[in-house]
C-alpha atoms as a PDB file:
ATOM      1  CA  UNK A   1     149.481 -18.155  61.927  1.00  0.00           C
ATOM      2  CA  UNK A   2     149.677 -14.518  61.743  1.00  0.00           C
ATOM      3  CA  UNK A   3     148.872 -14.083  65.456  1.00  0.00           C
ATOM      4  CA  UNK A   4     151.709 -16.588  66.266  1.00  0.00           C
ATOM      5  CA  UNK A   5     154.141 -14.573  64.089  1.00  0.00           C
ATOM      6  CA  UNK A   6     153.083 -11.369  65.892  1.00  0.00           C
ATOM      7  CA  UNK A   7     153.600 -12.780  69.330  1.00  0.00           C
ATOM      8  CA  UNK A   8     157.013 -12.054  70.131  1.00  0.00           C
ATOM      9  CA  UNK A   9     157.157  -8.586  68.379  1.00  0.00           C
ATOM     10  CA  UNK A  10     154.185  -7.647  70.495  1.00  0.00           C
ATOM     11  CA  UNK A  11     155.559  -8.912  73.686  1.00  0.00           C
ATOM     12  CA  UNK A  12     158.369  -6.770  72.990  1.00  0.00           C
ATOM     13  CA  UNK A  13     156.348  -3.449  72.738  1.00  0.00           C
ATOM     14  CA  UNK A  14     154.594  -4.492  75.552  1.00  0.00           C
ATOM     15  CA  UNK A  15     157.663  -4.990  77.731  1.00  0.00           C
ATOM     16  CA  UNK A  16     159.114  -1.551  76.263  1.00  0.00           C
ATOM     17  CA  UNK A  17     155.863   0.109  77.346  1.00  0.00           C
ATOM     18  CA  UNK A  18     155.913  -1.555  80.843  1.00  0.00           C
ATOM     19  CA  UNK A  19     159.322  -0.499  81.453  1.00  0.00           C
ATOM     20  CA  UNK A  20     158.108   3.016  81.549  1.00  0.00           C
ATOM     21  CA  UNK A  21     154.935   2.576  83.675  1.00  0.00           C
ATOM     22  CA  UNK A  22     155.309   3.634  87.302  1.00  0.00           C
ATOM     23  CA  UNK A  23     152.951   0.817  88.612  1.00  0.00           C
ATOM     24  CA  UNK A  24     155.734  -1.788  87.777  1.00  0.00           C
ATOM     25  CA  UNK A  25     158.192  -2.193  90.544  1.00  0.00           C
ATOM     26  CA  UNK A  26     161.810  -1.700  89.724  1.00  0.00           C
ATOM     27  CA  UNK A  27     162.877  -5.192  90.195  1.00  0.00           C
ATOM     28  CA  UNK A  28     160.185  -6.290  87.673  1.00  0.00           C
ATOM     29  CA  UNK A  29     161.510  -3.637  85.489  1.00  0.00           C
ATOM     30  CA  UNK A  30     164.952  -5.143  85.541  1.00  0.00           C
ATOM     31  CA  UNK A  31     163.503  -8.649  84.913  1.00  0.00           C
ATOM     32  CA  UNK A  32     161.740  -7.117  81.630  1.00  0.00           C
ATOM     33  CA  UNK A  33     164.861  -5.546  80.672  1.00  0.00           C
ATOM     34  CA  UNK A  34     166.568  -8.755  80.958  1.00  0.00           C
ATOM     35  CA  UNK A  35     163.991 -10.592  79.006  1.00  0.00           C
ATOM     36  CA  UNK A  36     164.066  -7.943  76.267  1.00  0.00           C
ATOM     37  CA  UNK A  37     167.832  -8.268  76.361  1.00  0.00           C
ATOM     38  CA  UNK A  38     167.473 -12.241  76.129  1.00  0.00           C
ATOM     39  CA  UNK A  39     165.078 -12.053  72.922  1.00  0.00           C
ATOM     40  CA  UNK A  40     167.367  -9.411  71.345  1.00  0.00           C
ATOM     41  CA  UNK A  41     170.615 -11.714  71.628  1.00  0.00           C
ATOM     42  CA  UNK A  42     171.425 -13.309  68.455  1.00  0.00           C
ATOM     43  CA  UNK A  43     171.883 -16.839  70.316  1.00  0.00           C
ATOM     44  CA  UNK A  44     169.401 -18.650  72.412  1.00  0.00           C
ATOM     45  CA  UNK A  45     169.285 -21.617  74.742  1.00  0.00           C
ATOM     46  CA  UNK A  46     167.865 -23.623  71.844  1.00  0.00           C
ATOM     47  CA  UNK A  47     168.829 -22.286  68.432  1.00  0.00           C
ATOM     48  CA  UNK A  48     165.945 -20.852  66.413  1.00  0.00           C
ATOM     49  CA  UNK A  49     166.842 -23.119  63.371  1.00  0.00           C
ATOM     50  CA  UNK A  50     165.389 -26.073  65.332  1.00  0.00           C
ATOM     51  CA  UNK A  51     161.685 -26.028  64.277  1.00  0.00           C
ATOM     52  CA  UNK A  52     159.319 -25.229  67.152  1.00  0.00           C
ATOM     53  CA  UNK A  53     161.564 -25.815  69.978  1.00  0.00           C
ATOM     54  CA  UNK A  54     163.822 -22.778  68.782  1.00  0.00           C
ATOM     55  CA  UNK A  55     160.800 -20.427  69.306  1.00  0.00           C
ATOM     56  CA  UNK A  56     159.312 -22.234  72.276  1.00  0.00           C
ATOM     57  CA  UNK A  57     162.270 -21.005  74.300  1.00  0.00           C
ATOM     58  CA  UNK A  58     161.558 -17.336  73.675  1.00  0.00           C
ATOM     59  CA  UNK A  59     157.991 -17.800  74.310  1.00  0.00           C
ATOM     60  CA  UNK A  60     158.604 -19.341  77.732  1.00  0.00           C
ATOM     61  CA  UNK A  61     160.996 -16.488  78.822  1.00  0.00           C
ATOM     62  CA  UNK A  62     158.328 -14.040  77.724  1.00  0.00           C
ATOM     63  CA  UNK A  63     155.489 -15.745  79.603  1.00  0.00           C
ATOM     64  CA  UNK A  64     157.710 -15.963  82.856  1.00  0.00           C
ATOM     65  CA  UNK A  65     158.674 -12.701  82.715  1.00  0.00           C
ATOM     66  CA  UNK A  66     155.024 -11.372  82.068  1.00  0.00           C
ATOM     67  CA  UNK A  67     153.873 -13.575  84.654  1.00  0.00           C
ATOM     68  CA  UNK A  68     156.080 -11.734  87.462  1.00  0.00           C
ATOM     69  CA  UNK A  69     154.822  -8.304  85.923  1.00  0.00           C
ATOM     70  CA  UNK A  70     151.235  -9.396  85.879  1.00  0.00           C
ATOM     71  CA  UNK A  71     151.372 -10.253  89.706  1.00  0.00           C
ATOM     72  CA  UNK A  72     153.067  -7.094  90.627  1.00  0.00           C
ATOM     73  CA  UNK A  73     151.454  -4.552  88.307  1.00  0.00           C
ATOM     74  CA  UNK A  74     148.201  -6.185  87.599  1.00  0.00           C
ATOM     75  CA  UNK A  75     146.257  -7.155  84.613  1.00  0.00           C
ATOM     76  CA  UNK A  76     145.174  -3.482  83.723  1.00  0.00           C
ATOM     77  CA  UNK A  77     148.478  -2.507  83.036  1.00  0.00           C
ATOM     78  CA  UNK A  78     149.037  -5.223  80.496  1.00  0.00           C
ATOM     79  CA  UNK A  79     145.654  -4.514  79.053  1.00  0.00           C
ATOM     80  CA  UNK A  80     146.403  -0.805  78.388  1.00  0.00           C
ATOM     81  CA  UNK A  81     149.897  -1.477  77.029  1.00  0.00           C
ATOM     82  CA  UNK A  82     149.310  -4.636  74.831  1.00  0.00           C
ATOM     83  CA  UNK A  83     149.621  -3.468  71.075  1.00  0.00           C
ATOM     84  CA  UNK A  84     148.186  -6.660  69.396  1.00  0.00           C
ATOM     85  CA  UNK A  85     144.644  -8.000  68.828  1.00  0.00           C
ATOM     86  CA  UNK A  86     142.358  -8.644  71.813  1.00  0.00           C
ATOM     87  CA  UNK A  87     142.726 -12.359  70.932  1.00  0.00           C
ATOM     88  CA  UNK A  88     146.472 -12.282  71.452  1.00  0.00           C
ATOM     89  CA  UNK A  89     146.071 -10.463  74.731  1.00  0.00           C
ATOM     90  CA  UNK A  90     143.831 -13.051  75.886  1.00  0.00           C
ATOM     91  CA  UNK A  91     146.253 -15.822  75.131  1.00  0.00           C
ATOM     92  CA  UNK A  92     149.067 -13.970  76.983  1.00  0.00           C
ATOM     93  CA  UNK A  93     146.958 -13.284  79.802  1.00  0.00           C
ATOM     94  CA  UNK A  94     145.835 -16.915  79.846  1.00  0.00           C
ATOM     95  CA  UNK A  95     149.360 -18.199  79.525  1.00  0.00           C
ATOM     96  CA  UNK A  96     150.621 -15.814  82.349  1.00  0.00           C
ATOM     97  CA  UNK A  97     148.099 -16.984  84.639  1.00  0.00           C
END
């Protein structure tokens, strides 16, 4: 449960770090900035007060953004910048393909 609660904050830190990485192309940095902006907005496509589904839309946006970065910068960049546990990194890598 603790790892699940840290998922989105760890992804925000990861995205912030990837924004400064030279291996990430500019178009993917813009995509990451959009994902961070979406996560920071006080409203979502599905409101967070709806159990499970409210957090699921955030997770889907994170996974899709990370998938694009993984395909361009590679898994090494994600591995270097991931702030969470190795188990959490394994989950995000598996989800992102």
